Each structure stands twice: as structure tokens, then as C-alpha cells.
Protein backbone atom coordinates (compact mmCIF):
# COMPACT_ATOMS: atom_id res chain seq x y z
CA MET A 1 0.15 -0.20 0.11
CA ILE A 2 1.48 3.40 -0.80
CA SER A 3 1.07 6.16 1.43
CA ARG A 4 -0.60 9.82 0.60
CA SER A 5 2.77 11.39 1.37
CA SER A 6 4.84 8.83 -1.10
CA TYR A 7 2.17 9.15 -3.77
CA ALA A 8 2.95 13.51 -3.52
CA LEU A 9 6.22 12.93 -3.29
CA ALA A 10 6.24 10.41 -6.20
CA SER A 11 4.41 12.70 -8.44
CA LYS A 12 6.75 15.68 -7.74
CA ALA A 13 9.57 13.98 -8.85
CA LEU A 14 7.34 12.75 -12.21
CA ALA A 15 6.73 16.21 -12.61
CA SER A 16 10.31 18.00 -12.23
CA ARG A 17 11.57 15.07 -14.37
CA SER A 18 9.23 16.23 -16.81
CA ILE A 19 10.27 19.59 -17.23
CA LEU A 20 13.96 18.73 -17.72
CA ARG A 21 13.26 15.61 -19.93
CA PRO A 22 9.75 15.53 -21.92
CA SER A 23 10.26 12.02 -23.77
CA ALA A 24 11.56 10.57 -19.97
CA ALA A 25 8.08 11.58 -19.25
CA VAL A 26 6.33 10.45 -21.53
CA ALA A 27 8.09 7.28 -20.83
CA VAL A 28 7.29 6.87 -17.21
CA ALA A 29 3.43 7.61 -17.74
CA THR A 30 2.05 4.17 -18.57
CA ASN A 31 -1.80 5.32 -17.60
CA ALA A 32 -4.18 8.09 -19.15
CA SER A 33 -4.10 9.96 -15.99
CA GLN A 34 -0.27 10.16 -15.17
CA LEU A 35 0.00 10.86 -18.86
CA ALA A 36 -1.85 13.80 -18.42
CA ALA A 37 -0.27 14.86 -15.08
CA ALA A 38 3.13 14.99 -16.65
CA THR A 39 1.85 16.44 -19.68
CA ALA A 40 0.64 19.39 -17.47
CA THR A 41 3.62 20.28 -15.81
CA MET A 42 5.62 20.78 -19.74
CA PRO A 43 6.60 24.27 -20.73
CA SER A 44 4.52 24.88 -23.92
CA SER A 45 7.81 25.21 -25.69
CA SER A 46 9.10 22.39 -25.29
CA PHE A 47 6.44 21.11 -27.37
CA ARG A 48 7.15 23.83 -30.21
CA SER A 49 10.50 22.78 -30.51
CA MET A 50 12.87 20.23 -28.75
CA SER A 51 16.41 22.48 -29.55
CA SER A 52 16.73 23.67 -26.47
CA GLN A 53 16.74 20.24 -24.87
CA PRO A 54 20.10 18.46 -23.83
CA LYS A 55 21.19 16.54 -26.85
CA LYS A 56 22.05 13.06 -26.96
CA HIS A 57 25.59 12.43 -26.66
CA LEU A 58 27.55 11.72 -30.06
CA VAL A 59 29.27 8.28 -28.57
CA THR A 60 25.95 6.55 -27.09
CA HIS A 61 22.28 7.45 -27.27
CA GLU A 62 21.97 8.49 -23.70
CA GLU A 63 22.78 11.68 -22.32
CA GLY A 64 25.49 12.29 -19.27
CA VAL A 65 28.88 12.43 -18.93
CA HIS A 66 28.83 8.51 -17.50
CA GLN A 67 27.52 6.68 -19.96
CA THR A 68 26.84 2.67 -19.87
CA MET A 69 28.18 2.06 -23.06
CA GLU A 70 26.86 -0.38 -25.59
CA LEU A 71 29.76 -2.12 -27.13
CA SER A 72 30.25 -5.47 -28.84
CA LYS A 73 33.76 -6.41 -27.10
CA SER A 74 33.97 -8.73 -30.14
CA TRP A 75 35.51 -5.81 -31.87
CA ARG A 76 38.54 -6.05 -29.45
CA ASN A 77 39.20 -9.48 -30.57
CA LYS A 78 39.29 -8.64 -34.25
CA PRO A 79 42.97 -7.80 -35.72
CA LEU A 80 42.66 -4.09 -36.89
CA PHE A 81 45.78 -4.84 -39.44
CA ARG A 82 46.11 -8.16 -41.69
CA ARG A 83 49.29 -8.07 -42.96
CA GLN A 84 52.11 -10.53 -41.95
CA GLY A 85 49.53 -12.16 -39.25
CA ASP A 86 46.84 -10.51 -37.58
CA VAL A 87 47.48 -7.76 -35.19
CA ARG A 88 45.26 -6.59 -32.32
CA PHE A 89 44.93 -4.03 -29.64
CA LYS A 90 44.22 -4.37 -25.83
CA SER A 91 43.82 -0.35 -25.01
CA GLY A 92 42.82 2.47 -27.25
CA LEU A 93 46.66 4.11 -27.23
CA GLU A 94 47.66 0.60 -28.43
CA ALA A 95 45.30 1.18 -31.24
CA SER A 96 46.67 4.85 -31.89
CA ARG A 97 50.33 3.63 -32.08
CA LEU A 98 49.47 0.85 -34.62
CA LEU A 99 47.49 3.31 -36.42
CA ILE A 100 50.69 6.09 -36.43
CA SER A 101 52.77 3.15 -37.05
CA GLU A 102 51.04 2.39 -40.27
CA ALA A 103 50.79 5.87 -41.35
CA ASN A 104 54.35 6.13 -41.06
CA ARG A 105 54.91 2.31 -43.32
CA ARG A 106 52.61 4.02 -45.88
CA ASP A 107 53.54 7.45 -46.29
CA SER A 108 56.98 8.19 -44.38
CA HIS A 109 58.12 10.91 -46.75
CA GLU A 110 54.85 12.91 -46.30
CA ILE A 111 56.26 14.86 -42.91
CA GLU A 112 53.19 16.77 -42.25
CA TYR A 113 50.74 14.28 -42.66
CA ILE A 114 52.60 11.96 -40.27
CA GLU A 115 52.74 15.62 -37.64
CA SER A 116 48.99 15.55 -37.89
CA ILE A 117 47.87 11.55 -38.21
CA SER A 118 50.08 11.46 -34.80
CA SER A 119 48.74 14.25 -32.93
CA THR A 120 44.77 13.50 -33.56
CA MET A 121 45.22 9.80 -33.33
CA GLU A 122 46.46 10.48 -29.76
CA CYS A 123 44.05 12.79 -29.04
CA LEU A 124 41.34 9.87 -29.77
CA SER A 125 42.59 7.16 -27.74
CA PRO A 126 40.43 7.33 -25.29
CA LEU A 127 37.61 6.88 -28.01
CA PHE A 128 39.07 3.83 -29.00
CA ASP A 129 39.05 2.93 -25.05
CA ARG A 130 35.29 3.61 -24.74
CA ASN A 131 34.10 2.00 -28.58
CA PRO A 132 37.31 -0.48 -29.87
CA ARG A 133 34.80 0.27 -33.11
CA TYR A 134 36.18 3.58 -33.78
CA ALA A 135 39.90 2.36 -34.07
CA PHE A 136 38.68 0.79 -37.24
CA VAL A 137 36.82 3.50 -38.36
CA ALA A 138 40.03 5.45 -37.85
CA LYS A 139 41.84 3.38 -39.91
CA GLN A 140 39.39 3.92 -42.84
CA LEU A 141 39.06 7.45 -42.63
CA MET A 142 43.58 7.86 -42.82
CA GLU A 143 42.81 7.16 -46.37
CA PRO A 144 41.79 9.79 -48.63
CA GLU A 145 38.95 9.23 -51.02
CA ARG A 146 40.20 11.10 -53.60
CA PHE A 147 43.86 13.13 -54.21
CA VAL A 148 44.25 14.50 -57.69
CA GLN A 149 47.91 15.72 -58.83
CA PHE A 150 47.91 17.26 -62.29
CA ARG A 151 50.25 19.70 -64.07
CA VAL A 152 49.44 23.57 -64.52
CA ALA A 153 51.15 25.27 -67.64
CA TRP A 154 50.75 29.15 -67.96
CA MET A 155 52.73 31.52 -70.01
CA ASP A 156 54.80 34.48 -67.90
CA ASP A 157 55.07 38.02 -69.29
CA ALA A 158 58.25 37.01 -71.15
CA GLY A 159 56.04 33.98 -72.73
CA VAL A 160 58.35 31.81 -71.15
CA ILE A 161 56.14 28.75 -70.32
CA ARG A 162 55.86 27.91 -66.31
CA MET A 163 55.27 24.59 -64.95
CA ASN A 164 53.32 24.51 -61.38
CA ARG A 165 51.76 21.82 -59.44
CA GLY A 166 48.16 21.76 -58.89
CA PHE A 167 46.56 20.03 -55.56
CA ARG A 168 43.04 18.91 -54.90
CA ILE A 169 42.33 16.34 -51.90
CA GLN A 170 38.55 15.07 -52.00
CA TYR A 171 39.30 13.97 -47.81
CA SER A 172 35.54 13.14 -46.97
CA SER A 173 32.43 13.40 -47.80
CA ALA A 174 30.24 11.47 -44.84
CA LEU A 175 28.62 14.34 -43.88
CA GLY A 176 28.16 16.32 -47.20
CA PRO A 177 29.18 17.70 -50.20
CA TYR A 178 33.53 18.44 -50.54
CA GLU A 179 34.10 21.91 -49.47
CA GLY A 180 37.42 23.48 -48.39
CA PRO A 181 40.20 26.26 -49.33
CA LEU A 182 42.50 26.94 -52.42
CA HIS A 183 46.40 27.53 -51.39
CA LEU A 184 48.85 29.20 -53.31
CA GLY A 185 52.27 29.74 -52.17
CA SER A 186 55.88 28.11 -53.20
CA HIS A 187 55.72 25.77 -49.53
CA VAL A 188 52.73 23.69 -50.75
CA ASN A 189 53.45 20.25 -51.86
CA GLY A 190 51.20 16.82 -51.39
CA GLY A 191 52.27 16.13 -47.78
CA LEU A 192 51.10 19.53 -46.58
CA ILE A 193 47.77 19.28 -48.59
CA LYS A 194 46.91 16.10 -47.37
CA ALA A 195 47.44 16.72 -43.75
CA LEU A 196 45.09 20.03 -44.41
CA GLY A 197 42.69 17.76 -45.90
CA PHE A 198 42.90 15.09 -42.97
CA ASP A 199 42.48 18.65 -40.03
CA ASN A 200 39.98 19.79 -42.35
CA VAL A 201 37.71 16.74 -42.02
CA PHE A 202 37.86 17.47 -37.71
CA SER A 203 37.40 21.00 -38.34
CA ASN A 204 34.31 21.08 -40.42
CA ALA A 205 32.62 18.48 -38.84
CA LEU A 206 32.51 19.95 -35.49
CA THR A 207 30.81 22.70 -36.91
CA GLY A 208 27.62 20.26 -36.53
CA TYR A 209 27.11 21.39 -40.72
CA ASP A 210 26.36 18.86 -43.53
CA VAL A 211 29.53 19.35 -45.47
CA GLY A 212 32.93 17.00 -46.22
CA SER A 213 36.41 18.33 -46.09
CA SER A 214 38.55 19.10 -49.68
CA VAL A 215 41.86 21.09 -49.79
CA GLY A 216 43.44 22.20 -52.86
CA GLY A 217 46.39 24.52 -54.17
CA SER A 218 49.47 24.78 -56.29
CA ASP A 219 53.39 25.52 -55.48
CA PHE A 220 52.55 29.17 -57.49
CA ASN A 221 53.79 32.13 -55.49
CA PRO A 222 51.20 34.51 -56.50
CA PHE A 223 52.99 37.57 -54.53
CA ASP A 224 55.97 38.30 -56.60
CA LYS A 225 53.66 38.04 -60.29
CA SER A 226 52.63 40.22 -62.09
CA GLU A 227 48.49 40.61 -62.64
CA ALA A 228 48.44 39.08 -65.78
CA GLU A 229 50.59 36.30 -65.37
CA VAL A 230 48.36 34.77 -61.85
CA GLN A 231 45.29 36.09 -64.18
CA ARG A 232 47.15 33.18 -66.79
CA PHE A 233 47.73 30.69 -64.22
CA CYS A 234 44.20 30.65 -62.24
CA GLN A 235 42.80 29.94 -65.94
CA SER A 236 45.10 27.26 -66.45
CA TYR A 237 44.79 26.37 -63.01
CA MET A 238 40.74 25.51 -63.60
CA THR A 239 40.71 24.34 -66.54
CA GLU A 240 41.78 21.26 -65.05
CA LEU A 241 39.82 21.52 -61.63
CA ALA A 242 37.09 22.27 -63.62
CA LYS A 243 36.53 18.35 -64.14
CA TYR A 244 36.55 17.58 -59.89
CA VAL A 245 34.75 21.00 -58.24
CA GLY A 246 31.39 22.04 -58.86
CA PRO A 247 27.84 23.32 -57.10
CA ASP A 248 26.94 19.90 -54.92
CA ILE A 249 29.99 18.63 -55.56
CA ASP A 250 32.94 20.27 -54.15
CA HIS A 251 33.18 24.00 -53.02
CA PRO A 252 36.36 25.44 -53.03
CA THR A 253 36.95 28.54 -50.49
CA MET A 254 39.60 30.77 -49.97
CA GLY A 255 43.38 29.77 -48.31
CA MET A 256 46.49 30.84 -48.01
CA GLY A 257 47.47 32.99 -51.00
CA VAL A 258 44.17 33.37 -52.64
CA SER A 259 42.14 36.50 -51.94
CA GLU A 260 39.16 38.13 -53.64
CA LYS A 261 41.16 38.33 -57.07
CA GLU A 262 42.46 35.11 -57.19
CA MET A 263 38.80 33.51 -56.85
CA GLY A 264 37.45 35.61 -59.18
CA TYR A 265 39.73 34.44 -61.93
CA LEU A 266 39.32 31.13 -60.79
CA PHE A 267 35.67 31.35 -60.69
CA GLY A 268 35.31 32.89 -64.35
CA GLN A 269 37.07 30.23 -66.33
CA TYR A 270 35.19 27.62 -64.59
CA LYS A 271 32.03 29.55 -65.77
CA ARG A 272 33.20 29.77 -68.92
CA ILE A 273 33.55 26.27 -69.36
CA ASN A 274 30.53 24.57 -67.54
CA VAL A 275 27.01 25.40 -67.97
CA LYS A 276 26.06 25.29 -64.08
CA SER A 277 27.80 27.57 -61.74
CA THR A 278 24.97 28.12 -59.12
CA SER A 279 22.56 25.66 -57.54
CA SER A 280 19.58 26.28 -55.87
CA SER A 281 20.68 29.77 -56.12
CA VAL A 282 23.27 29.14 -53.99
CA PRO A 283 26.65 30.95 -55.56
CA PHE A 284 29.36 28.73 -56.46
CA MET A 285 32.70 30.22 -55.08
CA THR A 286 32.33 32.65 -53.78
CA ARG A 287 34.23 35.80 -55.06
CA LYS A 288 33.52 38.13 -52.01
CA GLU A 289 35.80 38.43 -49.22
CA SER A 290 34.82 38.20 -46.00
CA GLU A 291 36.13 39.56 -42.25
CA VAL A 292 33.70 36.80 -40.30
CA PRO A 293 36.74 34.09 -40.61
CA GLY A 294 39.07 36.41 -38.78
CA LYS A 295 35.94 38.02 -36.27
CA ALA A 296 35.41 34.26 -35.73
CA ILE A 297 39.13 34.23 -34.23
CA ALA A 298 39.02 36.94 -31.84
CA LEU A 299 35.50 35.65 -30.63
CA PHE A 300 36.89 32.32 -29.52
CA ALA A 301 39.55 34.07 -27.81
CA LYS A 302 36.69 36.15 -25.70
CA GLU A 303 35.31 32.69 -24.75
CA MET A 304 38.37 31.51 -23.81
CA LEU A 305 39.06 34.30 -21.45
CA LYS A 306 35.43 34.14 -20.38
CA ASP A 307 36.34 30.61 -18.80
CA GLN A 308 39.24 32.58 -16.92
CA ASN A 309 36.72 35.37 -15.62
CA GLN A 310 38.86 37.54 -18.02
CA SER A 311 38.14 40.01 -20.99
CA LEU A 312 40.09 41.01 -23.67
CA MET A 313 40.02 44.50 -23.15
CA GLY A 314 43.14 46.10 -22.16
CA LYS A 315 44.41 42.68 -23.37
CA ARG A 316 48.26 43.44 -25.45
CA CYS A 317 47.91 41.29 -28.65
CA LEU A 318 51.09 40.17 -30.58
CA ILE A 319 49.69 39.68 -34.65
CA LEU A 320 51.92 37.27 -36.49
CA GLY A 321 50.82 37.70 -40.11
CA SER A 322 49.46 40.91 -42.52
CA GLY A 323 46.75 39.02 -44.27
CA LYS A 324 42.97 39.31 -44.63
CA ASN A 325 43.12 37.03 -41.25
CA ALA A 326 45.03 39.28 -39.66
CA ARG A 327 43.87 42.63 -40.68
CA ALA A 328 40.30 41.10 -39.50
CA VAL A 329 41.54 40.15 -36.16
CA ALA A 330 42.79 43.05 -35.31
CA ALA A 331 39.82 45.27 -36.04
CA LYS A 332 37.63 43.01 -34.04
CA LEU A 333 40.43 43.18 -30.71
CA LEU A 334 39.83 46.77 -31.20
CA GLU A 335 35.85 46.19 -31.34
CA PHE A 336 36.41 44.92 -27.98
CA GLY A 337 38.99 46.91 -26.35
CA ALA A 338 42.09 45.23 -27.04
CA ILE A 339 45.39 46.68 -28.26
CA PRO A 340 47.10 44.99 -31.39
CA LEU A 341 50.47 45.60 -31.20
CA THR A 342 52.39 44.06 -34.05
CA PHE A 343 51.36 42.78 -37.95
CA SER A 344 54.88 40.74 -39.91
CA ASP A 345 55.01 39.55 -43.14
CA GLU A 346 57.89 38.09 -45.49
CA SER A 347 60.06 41.44 -44.53
CA GLY A 348 59.93 41.05 -40.84
CA HIS A 349 57.48 42.60 -38.46
CA VAL A 350 56.58 46.60 -37.40
CA TYR A 351 55.96 47.30 -33.55
CA GLU A 352 53.45 50.35 -32.38
CA PRO A 353 54.46 50.57 -28.36
CA SER A 354 51.01 52.86 -27.90
CA GLY A 355 49.01 50.04 -29.98
CA ILE A 356 47.97 50.12 -33.50
CA ASP A 357 44.49 52.13 -33.74
CA GLU A 358 41.86 51.78 -36.59
CA SER A 359 43.52 54.76 -38.59
CA LYS A 360 47.00 53.18 -38.87
CA LEU A 361 45.33 49.46 -39.17
CA ARG A 362 43.59 51.69 -42.61
CA THR A 363 47.26 52.38 -43.57
CA ILE A 364 48.50 48.83 -43.25
CA SER A 365 45.64 47.23 -44.70
CA ASN A 366 45.96 50.32 -47.89
CA ILE A 367 49.56 49.16 -48.18
CA LYS A 368 48.82 44.92 -48.15
CA MET A 369 45.87 45.35 -50.49
CA GLU A 370 48.80 46.03 -53.10
CA ARG A 371 49.98 42.70 -54.55
CA GLY A 372 53.68 42.19 -53.90
CA ALA A 373 53.70 45.25 -51.27
CA MET A 374 55.85 44.44 -48.17
CA LEU A 375 54.98 45.82 -44.85
CA GLY A 376 58.22 47.95 -44.28
CA ARG A 377 56.50 50.84 -46.21
CA TYR A 378 54.19 51.35 -43.10
CA VAL A 379 57.38 52.61 -41.21
CA ILE A 380 57.46 55.77 -43.83
CA SER A 381 53.74 56.79 -42.50
CA SER A 382 54.38 56.52 -38.72
CA THR A 383 56.74 57.88 -36.83
CA THR A 384 56.02 55.79 -33.47
CA ALA A 385 56.56 52.74 -35.42
CA LYS A 386 59.39 50.44 -35.01
CA PHE A 387 61.01 48.21 -37.41
CA ASN A 388 62.41 44.78 -36.64
CA GLU A 389 62.89 46.32 -33.18
CA PRO A 390 63.43 43.93 -31.15
CA GLY A 391 64.95 41.39 -33.40
CA SER A 392 62.33 38.67 -32.47
CA VAL A 393 58.59 39.57 -32.51
CA PHE A 394 58.81 37.12 -29.53
CA ASP A 395 60.49 39.31 -27.46
CA ILE A 396 58.01 42.01 -27.26
CA PRO A 397 55.63 41.61 -24.11
CA CYS A 398 51.86 40.42 -24.73
CA ASP A 399 48.95 39.18 -23.15
CA LEU A 400 47.68 37.34 -26.06
CA CYS A 401 49.47 36.14 -29.56
CA PHE A 402 47.19 35.32 -32.49
CA PRO A 403 49.63 33.89 -35.55
CA CYS A 404 48.05 33.95 -38.50
CA GLY A 405 51.16 34.02 -40.79
CA GLN A 406 52.54 30.41 -42.38
CA ILE A 407 52.77 27.11 -41.26
CA LYS A 408 54.96 26.52 -37.94
CA LEU A 409 55.53 29.95 -37.89
CA VAL A 410 55.33 29.37 -33.77
CA ASP A 411 57.80 26.46 -31.99
CA ALA A 412 58.65 25.50 -29.09
CA GLU A 413 61.68 28.30 -28.08
CA ALA A 414 59.10 30.87 -29.00
CA VAL A 415 56.48 29.17 -26.83
CA THR A 416 59.28 29.79 -23.85
CA LYS A 417 59.85 33.34 -24.82
CA LEU A 418 56.22 34.03 -24.81
CA ALA A 419 55.36 32.99 -21.21
CA ASP A 420 58.68 34.42 -19.71
CA ASN A 421 57.04 37.65 -21.13
CA GLY A 422 53.54 37.07 -19.55
CA CYS A 423 51.58 35.82 -22.12
CA ILE A 424 48.51 34.00 -21.42
CA GLY A 425 47.24 32.67 -24.39
CA VAL A 426 48.03 31.85 -27.99
CA ILE A 427 45.56 31.05 -30.48
CA GLU A 428 45.63 30.53 -33.93
CA GLY A 429 44.42 32.77 -36.88
CA GLY A 430 46.41 30.50 -39.56
CA HIS A 431 46.72 26.56 -40.79
CA LYS A 432 48.81 24.83 -38.57
CA ASN A 433 50.95 28.17 -37.22
CA VAL A 434 51.62 26.20 -33.77
CA THR A 435 54.01 22.91 -33.86
CA ILE A 436 53.65 20.13 -31.86
CA GLU A 437 56.94 20.70 -29.59
CA ALA A 438 55.51 24.24 -29.33
CA ARG A 439 51.76 22.74 -28.35
CA GLN A 440 53.68 20.58 -25.52
CA THR A 441 55.50 23.76 -23.96
CA LEU A 442 51.94 25.58 -23.96
CA LYS A 443 50.57 22.58 -21.96
CA SER A 444 53.45 22.78 -19.55
CA ARG A 445 53.79 26.15 -19.34
CA GLY A 446 50.06 26.80 -18.38
CA VAL A 447 49.29 28.73 -21.34
CA MET A 448 45.82 28.58 -23.58
CA TYR A 449 45.84 27.29 -27.08
CA GLY A 450 42.92 27.52 -29.27
CA PRO A 451 43.51 25.21 -32.33
CA HIS A 452 43.11 26.02 -35.68
CA ILE A 453 40.72 23.22 -36.20
CA MET A 454 38.53 25.48 -33.72
CA THR A 455 39.42 28.79 -34.66
CA LEU A 456 39.27 28.61 -38.31
CA THR A 457 35.47 27.52 -38.70
CA GLY A 458 34.18 31.41 -38.89
CA ALA A 459 34.62 30.26 -42.98
CA ASN A 460 32.10 27.54 -42.30
CA ILE A 461 30.13 29.90 -40.29
CA VAL A 462 29.91 32.55 -43.76
CA ASN A 463 29.57 29.35 -46.04
CA ALA A 464 26.46 28.16 -44.36
CA HIS A 465 24.59 31.62 -43.49
CA GLY A 466 26.06 33.97 -45.98
CA HIS A 467 28.29 37.30 -46.01
CA ASN A 468 25.29 39.42 -44.77
CA LEU A 469 25.00 37.15 -41.11
CA PRO A 470 24.56 39.32 -38.20
CA GLY A 471 26.96 39.88 -35.53
CA GLU A 472 24.58 38.05 -33.35
CA ILE A 473 24.53 35.13 -35.28
CA LEU A 474 27.93 34.64 -35.11
CA GLU A 475 28.62 34.85 -31.91
CA GLU A 476 26.10 32.31 -31.15
CA GLU A 477 27.63 29.80 -33.37
CA VAL A 478 31.08 30.32 -31.89
CA ARG A 479 29.96 30.02 -28.35
CA ARG A 480 28.04 26.86 -29.51
CA ILE A 481 31.31 24.81 -31.33
CA TYR A 482 33.95 26.08 -28.40
CA ASN A 483 31.07 24.96 -25.56
CA ASP A 484 30.83 21.54 -27.70
CA VAL A 485 34.49 21.21 -27.87
CA LYS A 486 35.58 21.64 -24.40
CA ARG A 487 32.57 20.11 -23.13
CA THR A 488 34.05 16.77 -24.61
CA ALA A 489 37.63 17.73 -23.79
CA THR A 490 36.28 17.70 -20.14
CA GLU A 491 34.29 14.24 -20.82
CA PHE A 492 37.45 12.63 -21.82
CA ASN A 493 39.51 13.57 -19.23
CA ALA A 494 41.25 16.47 -21.13
CA ARG A 495 39.96 19.42 -19.38
CA GLY A 496 41.29 22.27 -21.35
CA ASP A 497 42.25 20.70 -24.09
CA LEU A 498 40.81 21.99 -26.71
CA PHE A 499 42.83 20.84 -29.64
CA ALA A 500 41.64 17.00 -28.17
CA GLY A 501 38.18 18.11 -27.68
CA GLY A 502 37.89 19.82 -31.89
CA SER A 503 39.39 16.48 -32.74
CA MET A 504 37.10 14.10 -30.66
CA VAL A 505 33.75 16.09 -31.60
CA GLY A 506 35.00 16.52 -35.36
CA PHE A 507 35.88 12.61 -35.55
CA LEU A 508 32.62 11.57 -33.28
CA ARG A 509 30.14 12.92 -35.87
CA VAL A 510 32.40 12.06 -39.19
CA ALA A 511 32.76 8.40 -37.64
CA ASN A 512 29.09 7.66 -36.73
CA ALA A 513 27.65 8.68 -39.63
CA MET A 514 30.60 6.53 -41.82
CA LEU A 515 29.26 3.58 -39.99
CA THR A 516 26.26 3.32 -41.43
CA HIS A 517 27.93 3.66 -44.84
CA GLY A 518 29.57 0.26 -44.39
CA ALA A 519 33.15 -0.58 -46.50
CA VAL A 520 32.84 2.52 -48.71
């Protein structure tokens, strides 16, 4: 016999539970009267939209951190590799080491790719512990779906035929059509394109949008060429690339060395040789340069500081690089009351001890809008600027550092200098700006690190919402992505490690889709 008091307590528990989890209330109610009592306590917004309810975890079909995993132990008994005998693993760490070893065996000459595989697989080992089947998906994901390399022949202003290599790697379409940047520069090679394509899988996936991953480019340096030479190269490059890209197939976007002008030339050639250049009124290969990716980088820095009960107001910031992202970061930092101190390029760095204000930023932007112009010209227009003083930009005292330049710009020695000078955070504004050794030094010195797989998602946001998206929506999207990454890192005992959290979120979304596709 149930007492009235016990019945009342049960009713209250049922009511509170129904507010938090409407689906649970419906499941618990077993008769008409209980169902009526449960649904009566639900807010009307619960029926209009379920988007406010906590999402089920990516690993299981349940909610919360400590899950009851439904996994088949038989997967741990299956061989991960069947080369010269069956190779099995007993732990997630062992699985990640086997995967890294296999990547080294097959592609040891591609240094950048091996580095990406190594750092990512080590982060994923907790997932392999919880569900061994994910190790088999990771093995499948290490191999890109398609990798195209081709010759790009073009004629320079002297009438000489020049030759470059063109690349496009279509790494994964598990979540949707391929999408990714084009990079131009003398440093671009097959190994780098493969590494960037692999990283882009996780970066695109953690946004939650239905897009795949691709990356392309060429070892062509646009900064020391005339406008006519750049146009002829872009037309030759697109003549071959057009066979593999298109609306709803593969959407190239702006990357390193690719500005509004290059995208215009590329799209013009694509439009000339293809009948269809849009899909459902959605423009293909956006030619409009956007500041959204740069603004998103500053917003991620704002979210990171908020967790430390700090803000960007008054923070002295080193900005490495002077491209479109670097200048957009500086503009957004000024809005938040931060103080940009530096910009840099191949010629060196300029340093304004009292900070770079809006008028000085406009001057720098006007200089860099001219193809091949060096930053050193800025010192002519400023009486307070220092050029290459001190000798190393990392010797300048600062609170935050935003590397937005070349790959591997920040190494372990640079991190040591930054930490000694009071830097509390390094937020990547470019692809793979921080070396693996530098990441480890950042962790050991207690310096915040914003990885590029998270901070560069601004390009995906603008492609999903358009160039005219309001600032409030951008902030909401940045906050959502950041919280997903932070929550996942915490759940898998990697609190504060945003690179590990971003890698796991991206991998889980792609892997769960791949599991439904079979052996493809």
C-alpha cells in the first residue's frame, strides 16, 4: 500500500523530471491519468521546439557524462590489421600507436601528414577505449577518398612557359558535399595538402554543418607575379580542376595566398567552361572577401578568456601575419578594447609600442591590398613604429598572441619566450601555425591554446549563413562550437585541451556517419 505522502513525493518527482526531460515523462507515464499529469507540467515551448533540450551524446544514445556503453567486445578481438599476421590491440593507446605506425609505413615521406596523424590519433585513444569499433573507422578515415595531382602550364610576361603542380584532395564526403580552401604558395606540396585535408575533416565536422572536407592549391607564389600572370595561372589551374569541382560536388573557398582577385579569376574560367555555376540559387565559389573568419578568431579568444573570468579589454596582442585574417582579427580586437601591437610578413615585423588604432590599421590594409607590397613601407607613414625592433617579435611583452601567418610559425622556443614575457594565450589564426612541440610547451607552461581546427571554423559559418549574417548569430555559433569542444574535452579527461576536444567532436560526427555507410 502506497501512502498519500509517498504518492505526493512521487508526483513531484515525476513533475520535475518531466520539465527537464519531456521524453522521459512520456516514457514513465503508463496510464492516462499519469500521462495527463506529466504533460500538464511541461512548458509549452517544449512542444514547439526540442532544440533547447540537451542533445544525446555523440558516443552513445544516452545523455550525460558517465554512460552505460553498449559496445561489442568482439571488436577488440578482431585484428586491426591483417598484414603478415593478425594485429590486435588491448587498449585505445595501443590502437592509436598501431594507426600511427601504419601511416608511417605507407607515407613516411609526407612529414606534415604524419605529424597530423600522430597528434590526432593520440587525442582519439580515449574513444578507442570506450568503443573499440572507432579504431577501425579511424583506419578507414586515414585514407582520403580521392587525391588529384596535375600539371599546370602557363605563360609568363616574357613569353616563357612555366610549370607548376596543382592539387585537390577530396578527403571525406561522409557528412555532405566536399568543401575546403585553396592554398597558393611555394611551400605547398602533396604532403601538406594531405595534412590540411585530414585536419579539415575534423574542423568542418565539429561545426555541425552537413559538409565534407577537401583542400587544394598549387606551389605557385602569387605575390611575386604580375596581375596578368596570376590570371593566366588561375585560368590554367581551373581548366583542369573544373573536372572535379562544382555545385553540390566540391566547393573551393579562399585559403592562404588566395584573395578576392584569385577567386574571381578561378570562377570566371569555371563559368566559361561549365553551363551550371549555381545550385538552388546558392552561389558557387564565393568571390566576396569576408571578415567573418577573422572576427570568429577574436570571438573564440573572447570565449576562452571568459572561462578564466577575464575579457579582451586592455589586452596587448601580438598579431603575426598581415593577410586578410590578421587584419580582420585586429579590427575585431579593437572593438573589444584590446590593443594590437604588431603585424608581420616576409620582410619582418612592425611594432607600435602604444598600439595600432583604426587609422593605422587602415594604412596597413591599404599597403597590403597592393600585390607584393611589403609591410616595411608602413614605417614611412608612422613616426612611432619600430621595424624589426626587437630582433624577434616574440621578445615583445604581450598578453595574447594571434599567429595568422605561415605554417609552423610558432615553435617551442617561441612559446618559451612568450610565456616568460607574460603571454597567457596563443590563438591560431592560420593553418598549423603552432608546431607539435610548441603545443606541448604551451600545456606545460599553462598557456591557453586555441587550435586552428576550432578557430578557423568561421569560414564554414559564413558559407552556411551567407556574408550578411548578423553579429549576434556569429557569436552564437562561435559559443556553440566552443562549448561543444570544451564539454567533450572535459568528458574524456582532457579538461582545457581544446585540440583534443575539437578532434574528438569532429571525429565522432564523421565516424558515426561512416558506420552507416559500410565499406566505402
